[in-house]
Amino acid sequence: MVSFVFIFLLPELYSIKSFEFYILALAGFSFFYVTEKLFYKHIIKTENYLEKTHFLINFLHQFMMGAFLYSLTKEKLIDGLFLFIPTVGIVLVGSLSIENIHKKLLNKLEIIVISISAVLGAIFASLVHNNIVNNILIAVVTGSLIFIVMRELIPFKKRGSPDYFLIGILLFLLMYGFLG
């Protein structure tokens, strides 16, 4: 996902050449940051703060990714493939973490909602798809992915492996060079 942000989204955002879209990218980043902090400050009283915050961020992220994936694939199938592969990985990891960590805390409705969030995003995008919406999605997804990659995907401190990180980047670059 880091590779996708730097190799595809940032150049795509730059190609729009409109300051308003940079503001939207900042808004995408800020929205996720502020949402997390508001949850922390106002919902921390409940024991399941982390699970509810993770649920909300995961839902919004997958909703936007579904909308963006639809818009991107409609424009150019190969670009949609570059996003689809890491998105499937993130959805699987997110689903596993929700299933394993929050098994007792999520009710059936929340499980259904999180499971169909990307599909809901794609349906939303299919209803409102045009160039302006696509550019807005690029901007907001860029900002939100930068936050999510920094906060949720890159392991903290000693966790994670630089080898796997570099292998992931190299595989993306090879795939991009081969298919792009």
C-alpha atoms as a PDB file:
ATOM      1  CA  MET A   1       0.000   0.000   0.000  1.00  0.00           C
ATOM      2  CA  VAL A   2       2.934   2.345   0.674  1.00  0.00           C
ATOM      3  CA  SER A   3       4.157   1.751  -2.874  1.00  0.00           C
ATOM      4  CA  PHE A   4       0.713   2.431  -4.293  1.00  0.00           C
ATOM      5  CA  VAL A   5       0.519   5.777  -2.502  1.00  0.00           C
ATOM      6  CA  PHE A   6       3.937   6.946  -3.738  1.00  0.00           C
ATOM      7  CA  ILE A   7       3.955   5.413  -7.227  1.00  0.00           C
ATOM      8  CA  PHE A   8       0.351   5.959  -8.226  1.00  0.00           C
ATOM      9  CA  LEU A   9      -1.702   8.233  -5.974  1.00  0.00           C
ATOM     10  CA  LEU A  10       0.715  11.107  -5.352  1.00  0.00           C
ATOM     11  CA  PRO A  11       1.606  11.510  -9.073  1.00  0.00           C
ATOM     12  CA  GLU A  12      -2.097  11.223  -9.936  1.00  0.00           C
ATOM     13  CA  LEU A  13      -2.939  13.896  -7.374  1.00  0.00           C
ATOM     14  CA  TYR A  14      -0.143  16.088  -8.750  1.00  0.00           C
ATOM     15  CA  SER A  15      -1.488  15.685 -12.310  1.00  0.00           C
ATOM     16  CA  ILE A  16      -4.808  17.226 -11.285  1.00  0.00           C
ATOM     17  CA  LYS A  17      -2.921  20.509 -10.679  1.00  0.00           C
ATOM     18  CA  SER A  18      -5.562  22.084  -8.524  1.00  0.00           C
ATOM     19  CA  PHE A  19      -4.834  23.380  -5.045  1.00  0.00           C
ATOM     20  CA  GLU A  20      -8.336  22.431  -3.874  1.00  0.00           C
ATOM     21  CA  PHE A  21      -7.511  18.746  -4.349  1.00  0.00           C
ATOM     22  CA  TYR A  22      -4.439  19.058  -2.129  1.00  0.00           C
ATOM     23  CA  ILE A  23      -6.749  20.534   0.487  1.00  0.00           C
ATOM     24  CA  LEU A  24      -9.018  17.493   0.039  1.00  0.00           C
ATOM     25  CA  ALA A  25      -6.026  15.165   0.495  1.00  0.00           C
ATOM     26  CA  LEU A  26      -5.191  16.997   3.704  1.00  0.00           C
ATOM     27  CA  ALA A  27      -8.866  16.746   4.685  1.00  0.00           C
ATOM     28  CA  GLY A  28      -8.805  12.965   4.100  1.00  0.00           C
ATOM     29  CA  PHE A  29      -5.778  12.609   6.352  1.00  0.00           C
ATOM     30  CA  SER A  30      -7.203  15.009   8.940  1.00  0.00           C
ATOM     31  CA  PHE A  31     -10.617  13.351   8.988  1.00  0.00           C
ATOM     32  CA  PHE A  32      -9.182  10.020  10.082  1.00  0.00           C
ATOM     33  CA  TYR A  33      -6.858  11.658  12.596  1.00  0.00           C
ATOM     34  CA  VAL A  34      -9.583  13.823  14.130  1.00  0.00           C
ATOM     35  CA  THR A  35     -12.077  10.929  14.169  1.00  0.00           C
ATOM     36  CA  GLU A  36      -9.633   8.792  16.101  1.00  0.00           C
ATOM     37  CA  LYS A  37      -8.835  11.579  18.565  1.00  0.00           C
ATOM     38  CA  LEU A  38     -12.509  12.467  19.139  1.00  0.00           C
ATOM     39  CA  PHE A  39     -13.250   8.814  19.839  1.00  0.00           C
ATOM     40  CA  TYR A  40     -10.324   8.731  22.214  1.00  0.00           C
ATOM     41  CA  LYS A  41     -11.395  11.855  24.090  1.00  0.00           C
ATOM     42  CA  HIS A  42     -15.160  11.267  24.209  1.00  0.00           C
ATOM     43  CA  ILE A  43     -15.687   7.515  24.041  1.00  0.00           C
ATOM     44  CA  ILE A  44     -12.692   6.367  26.069  1.00  0.00           C
ATOM     45  CA  LYS A  45     -15.068   5.830  28.999  1.00  0.00           C
ATOM     46  CA  THR A  46     -16.245   2.607  27.385  1.00  0.00           C
ATOM     47  CA  GLU A  47     -14.074  -0.465  27.560  1.00  0.00           C
ATOM     48  CA  ASN A  48     -14.360  -1.220  23.896  1.00  0.00           C
ATOM     49  CA  TYR A  49     -13.078   2.149  22.612  1.00  0.00           C
ATOM     50  CA  LEU A  50     -10.302   0.578  20.558  1.00  0.00           C
ATOM     51  CA  GLU A  51     -12.634  -1.910  18.925  1.00  0.00           C
ATOM     52  CA  LYS A  52     -15.245   0.739  18.030  1.00  0.00           C
ATOM     53  CA  THR A  53     -12.585   3.111  16.687  1.00  0.00           C
ATOM     54  CA  HIS A  54     -11.020   0.312  14.667  1.00  0.00           C
ATOM     55  CA  PHE A  55     -14.476  -0.618  13.364  1.00  0.00           C
ATOM     56  CA  LEU A  56     -15.266   2.959  12.273  1.00  0.00           C
ATOM     57  CA  ILE A  57     -11.888   3.577  10.649  1.00  0.00           C
ATOM     58  CA  ASN A  58     -11.975   0.175   8.958  1.00  0.00           C
ATOM     59  CA  PHE A  59     -15.508   0.793   7.654  1.00  0.00           C
ATOM     60  CA  LEU A  60     -14.715   4.263   6.287  1.00  0.00           C
ATOM     61  CA  HIS A  61     -11.449   3.093   4.773  1.00  0.00           C
ATOM     62  CA  GLN A  62     -13.021   0.093   3.045  1.00  0.00           C
ATOM     63  CA  PHE A  63     -16.006   2.191   1.884  1.00  0.00           C
ATOM     64  CA  MET A  64     -13.678   4.751   0.278  1.00  0.00           C
ATOM     65  CA  MET A  65     -11.458   2.041  -1.186  1.00  0.00           C
ATOM     66  CA  GLY A  66     -14.499   0.347  -2.735  1.00  0.00           C
ATOM     67  CA  ALA A  67     -15.619   3.655  -4.250  1.00  0.00           C
ATOM     68  CA  PHE A  68     -12.127   4.485  -5.453  1.00  0.00           C
ATOM     69  CA  LEU A  69     -11.524   0.982  -6.821  1.00  0.00           C
ATOM     70  CA  TYR A  70     -14.765   1.211  -8.825  1.00  0.00           C
ATOM     71  CA  SER A  71     -13.839   4.639 -10.225  1.00  0.00           C
ATOM     72  CA  LEU A  72     -10.278   3.619 -10.993  1.00  0.00           C
ATOM     73  CA  THR A  73     -11.254   0.360 -12.687  1.00  0.00           C
ATOM     74  CA  LYS A  74     -13.891   2.129 -14.751  1.00  0.00           C
ATOM     75  CA  GLU A  75     -11.210   4.535 -16.031  1.00  0.00           C
ATOM     76  CA  LYS A  76      -8.363   2.056 -16.591  1.00  0.00           C
ATOM     77  CA  LEU A  77      -8.555  -1.622 -15.661  1.00  0.00           C
ATOM     78  CA  ILE A  78      -4.802  -2.088 -15.090  1.00  0.00           C
ATOM     79  CA  ASP A  79      -4.703   0.758 -12.536  1.00  0.00           C
ATOM     80  CA  GLY A  80      -7.625  -0.854 -10.737  1.00  0.00           C
ATOM     81  CA  LEU A  81      -5.631  -4.100 -10.579  1.00  0.00           C
ATOM     82  CA  PHE A  82      -2.718  -2.314  -8.884  1.00  0.00           C
ATOM     83  CA  LEU A  83      -5.083  -1.167  -6.160  1.00  0.00           C
ATOM     84  CA  PHE A  84      -7.143  -4.360  -6.014  1.00  0.00           C
ATOM     85  CA  ILE A  85      -4.275  -6.671  -5.045  1.00  0.00           C
ATOM     86  CA  PRO A  86      -3.099  -4.738  -1.939  1.00  0.00           C
ATOM     87  CA  THR A  87      -6.710  -3.905  -1.038  1.00  0.00           C
ATOM     88  CA  VAL A  88      -7.637  -7.590  -0.927  1.00  0.00           C
ATOM     89  CA  GLY A  89      -4.697  -8.169   1.405  1.00  0.00           C
ATOM     90  CA  ILE A  90      -5.761  -5.329   3.682  1.00  0.00           C
ATOM     91  CA  VAL A  91      -9.393  -6.469   3.701  1.00  0.00           C
ATOM     92  CA  LEU A  92      -8.296 -10.003   4.620  1.00  0.00           C
ATOM     93  CA  VAL A  93      -5.978  -8.777   7.371  1.00  0.00           C
ATOM     94  CA  GLY A  94      -8.665  -6.378   8.620  1.00  0.00           C
ATOM     95  CA  SER A  95     -11.261  -9.144   8.620  1.00  0.00           C
ATOM     96  CA  LEU A  96      -8.953 -11.489  10.494  1.00  0.00           C
ATOM     97  CA  SER A  97      -8.127  -8.866  13.105  1.00  0.00           C
ATOM     98  CA  ILE A  98     -11.792  -8.046  13.593  1.00  0.00           C
ATOM     99  CA  GLU A  99     -12.650 -11.733  13.843  1.00  0.00           C
ATOM    100  CA  ASN A 100      -9.842 -12.636  16.225  1.00  0.00           C
ATOM    101  CA  ILE A 101      -9.463  -9.518  18.363  1.00  0.00           C
ATOM    102  CA  HIS A 102     -13.011  -8.231  18.539  1.00  0.00           C
ATOM    103  CA  LYS A 103     -14.971 -11.472  18.267  1.00  0.00           C
ATOM    104  CA  LYS A 104     -17.030 -10.897  21.416  1.00  0.00           C
ATOM    105  CA  LEU A 105     -17.406  -7.142  21.048  1.00  0.00           C
ATOM    106  CA  LEU A 106     -18.917  -6.788  17.570  1.00  0.00           C
ATOM    107  CA  ASN A 107     -22.555  -7.642  17.121  1.00  0.00           C
ATOM    108  CA  LYS A 108     -23.858  -9.373  13.998  1.00  0.00           C
ATOM    109  CA  LEU A 109     -24.990  -6.105  12.384  1.00  0.00           C
ATOM    110  CA  GLU A 110     -21.499  -4.588  12.752  1.00  0.00           C
ATOM    111  CA  ILE A 111     -19.955  -7.708  11.223  1.00  0.00           C
ATOM    112  CA  ILE A 112     -22.328  -7.494   8.247  1.00  0.00           C
ATOM    113  CA  VAL A 113     -21.715  -3.744   7.820  1.00  0.00           C
ATOM    114  CA  ILE A 114     -17.930  -4.094   7.861  1.00  0.00           C
ATOM    115  CA  SER A 115     -18.135  -7.059   5.488  1.00  0.00           C
ATOM    116  CA  ILE A 116     -20.055  -5.134   2.837  1.00  0.00           C
ATOM    117  CA  SER A 117     -18.452  -1.700   3.312  1.00  0.00           C
ATOM    118  CA  ALA A 118     -16.302  -1.894   0.151  1.00  0.00           C
ATOM    119  CA  VAL A 119     -19.326  -3.036  -1.866  1.00  0.00           C
ATOM    120  CA  LEU A 120     -21.343  -0.118  -0.479  1.00  0.00           C
ATOM    121  CA  GLY A 121     -18.534   2.233  -1.537  1.00  0.00           C
ATOM    122  CA  ALA A 122     -18.504   0.768  -5.053  1.00  0.00           C
ATOM    123  CA  ILE A 123     -22.296   1.129  -5.306  1.00  0.00           C
ATOM    124  CA  PHE A 124     -22.024   4.742  -4.121  1.00  0.00           C
ATOM    125  CA  ALA A 125     -19.339   5.469  -6.734  1.00  0.00           C
ATOM    126  CA  SER A 126     -21.395   3.835  -9.502  1.00  0.00           C
ATOM    127  CA  LEU A 127     -24.296   6.152  -8.687  1.00  0.00           C
ATOM    128  CA  VAL A 128     -22.271   9.384  -8.665  1.00  0.00           C
ATOM    129  CA  HIS A 129     -19.353   8.577 -11.010  1.00  0.00           C
ATOM    130  CA  ASN A 130     -17.891  11.493 -13.018  1.00  0.00           C
ATOM    131  CA  ASN A 131     -14.480  13.164 -13.371  1.00  0.00           C
ATOM    132  CA  ILE A 132     -15.018  15.555 -10.482  1.00  0.00           C
ATOM    133  CA  VAL A 133     -16.050  12.741  -8.136  1.00  0.00           C
ATOM    134  CA  ASN A 134     -13.082  10.677  -9.352  1.00  0.00           C
ATOM    135  CA  ASN A 135     -10.654  13.545  -8.627  1.00  0.00           C
ATOM    136  CA  ILE A 136     -12.203  14.075  -5.193  1.00  0.00           C
ATOM    137  CA  LEU A 137     -11.837  10.350  -4.475  1.00  0.00           C
ATOM    138  CA  ILE A 138      -8.174  10.431  -5.553  1.00  0.00           C
ATOM    139  CA  ALA A 139      -7.511  13.355  -3.220  1.00  0.00           C
ATOM    140  CA  VAL A 140      -9.392  12.039  -0.195  1.00  0.00           C
ATOM    141  CA  VAL A 141      -8.126   8.468  -0.615  1.00  0.00           C
ATOM    142  CA  THR A 142      -4.546   9.742  -0.918  1.00  0.00           C
ATOM    143  CA  GLY A 143      -4.778  11.622   2.370  1.00  0.00           C
ATOM    144  CA  SER A 144      -6.637   8.875   4.186  1.00  0.00           C
ATOM    145  CA  LEU A 145      -4.274   6.157   2.942  1.00  0.00           C
ATOM    146  CA  ILE A 146      -1.274   8.121   4.158  1.00  0.00           C
ATOM    147  CA  PHE A 147      -2.872   8.215   7.621  1.00  0.00           C
ATOM    148  CA  ILE A 148      -3.970   4.575   7.564  1.00  0.00           C
ATOM    149  CA  VAL A 149      -0.607   3.324   6.303  1.00  0.00           C
ATOM    150  CA  MET A 150       1.209   5.288   9.010  1.00  0.00           C
ATOM    151  CA  ARG A 151      -1.201   4.402  11.812  1.00  0.00           C
ATOM    152  CA  GLU A 152      -2.614   0.973  11.031  1.00  0.00           C
ATOM    153  CA  LEU A 153      -0.366  -0.828   8.559  1.00  0.00           C
ATOM    154  CA  ILE A 154       3.242  -0.019   9.380  1.00  0.00           C
ATOM    155  CA  PRO A 155       4.212  -2.012  12.497  1.00  0.00           C
ATOM    156  CA  PHE A 156       5.307  -0.066  15.580  1.00  0.00           C
ATOM    157  CA  LYS A 157       8.736  -0.234  17.186  1.00  0.00           C
ATOM    158  CA  LYS A 158      10.237  -3.739  17.093  1.00  0.00           C
ATOM    159  CA  ARG A 159       7.273  -5.420  15.420  1.00  0.00           C
ATOM    160  CA  GLY A 160       7.453  -6.018  11.688  1.00  0.00           C
ATOM    161  CA  SER A 161      10.329  -6.852   9.420  1.00  0.00           C
ATOM    162  CA  PRO A 162      12.238  -4.471   7.162  1.00  0.00           C
ATOM    163  CA  ASP A 163      12.845  -7.457   4.876  1.00  0.00           C
ATOM    164  CA  TYR A 164       9.103  -8.000   4.294  1.00  0.00           C
ATOM    165  CA  PHE A 165       8.570  -4.265   3.843  1.00  0.00           C
ATOM    166  CA  LEU A 166      11.287  -4.060   1.174  1.00  0.00           C
ATOM    167  CA  ILE A 167      10.097  -7.272  -0.509  1.00  0.00           C
ATOM    168  CA  GLY A 168       6.585  -5.804  -0.702  1.00  0.00           C
ATOM    169  CA  ILE A 169       7.879  -2.627  -2.305  1.00  0.00           C
ATOM    170  CA  LEU A 170      10.054  -4.564  -4.763  1.00  0.00           C
ATOM    171  CA  LEU A 171       7.167  -6.862  -5.725  1.00  0.00           C
ATOM    172  CA  PHE A 172       4.914  -3.873  -6.334  1.00  0.00           C
ATOM    173  CA  LEU A 173       7.579  -2.159  -8.444  1.00  0.00           C
ATOM    174  CA  LEU A 174       8.174  -5.344 -10.449  1.00  0.00           C
ATOM    175  CA  MET A 175       4.452  -5.793 -11.006  1.00  0.00           C
ATOM    176  CA  TYR A 176       4.105  -2.117 -11.924  1.00  0.00           C
ATOM    177  CA  GLY A 177       7.047  -2.342 -14.342  1.00  0.00           C
ATOM    178  CA  PHE A 178       5.790  -5.581 -15.872  1.00  0.00           C
ATOM    179  CA  LEU A 179       2.097  -4.619 -16.197  1.00  0.00           C
ATOM    180  CA  GLY A 180       2.329  -0.822 -16.255  1.00  0.00           C
END
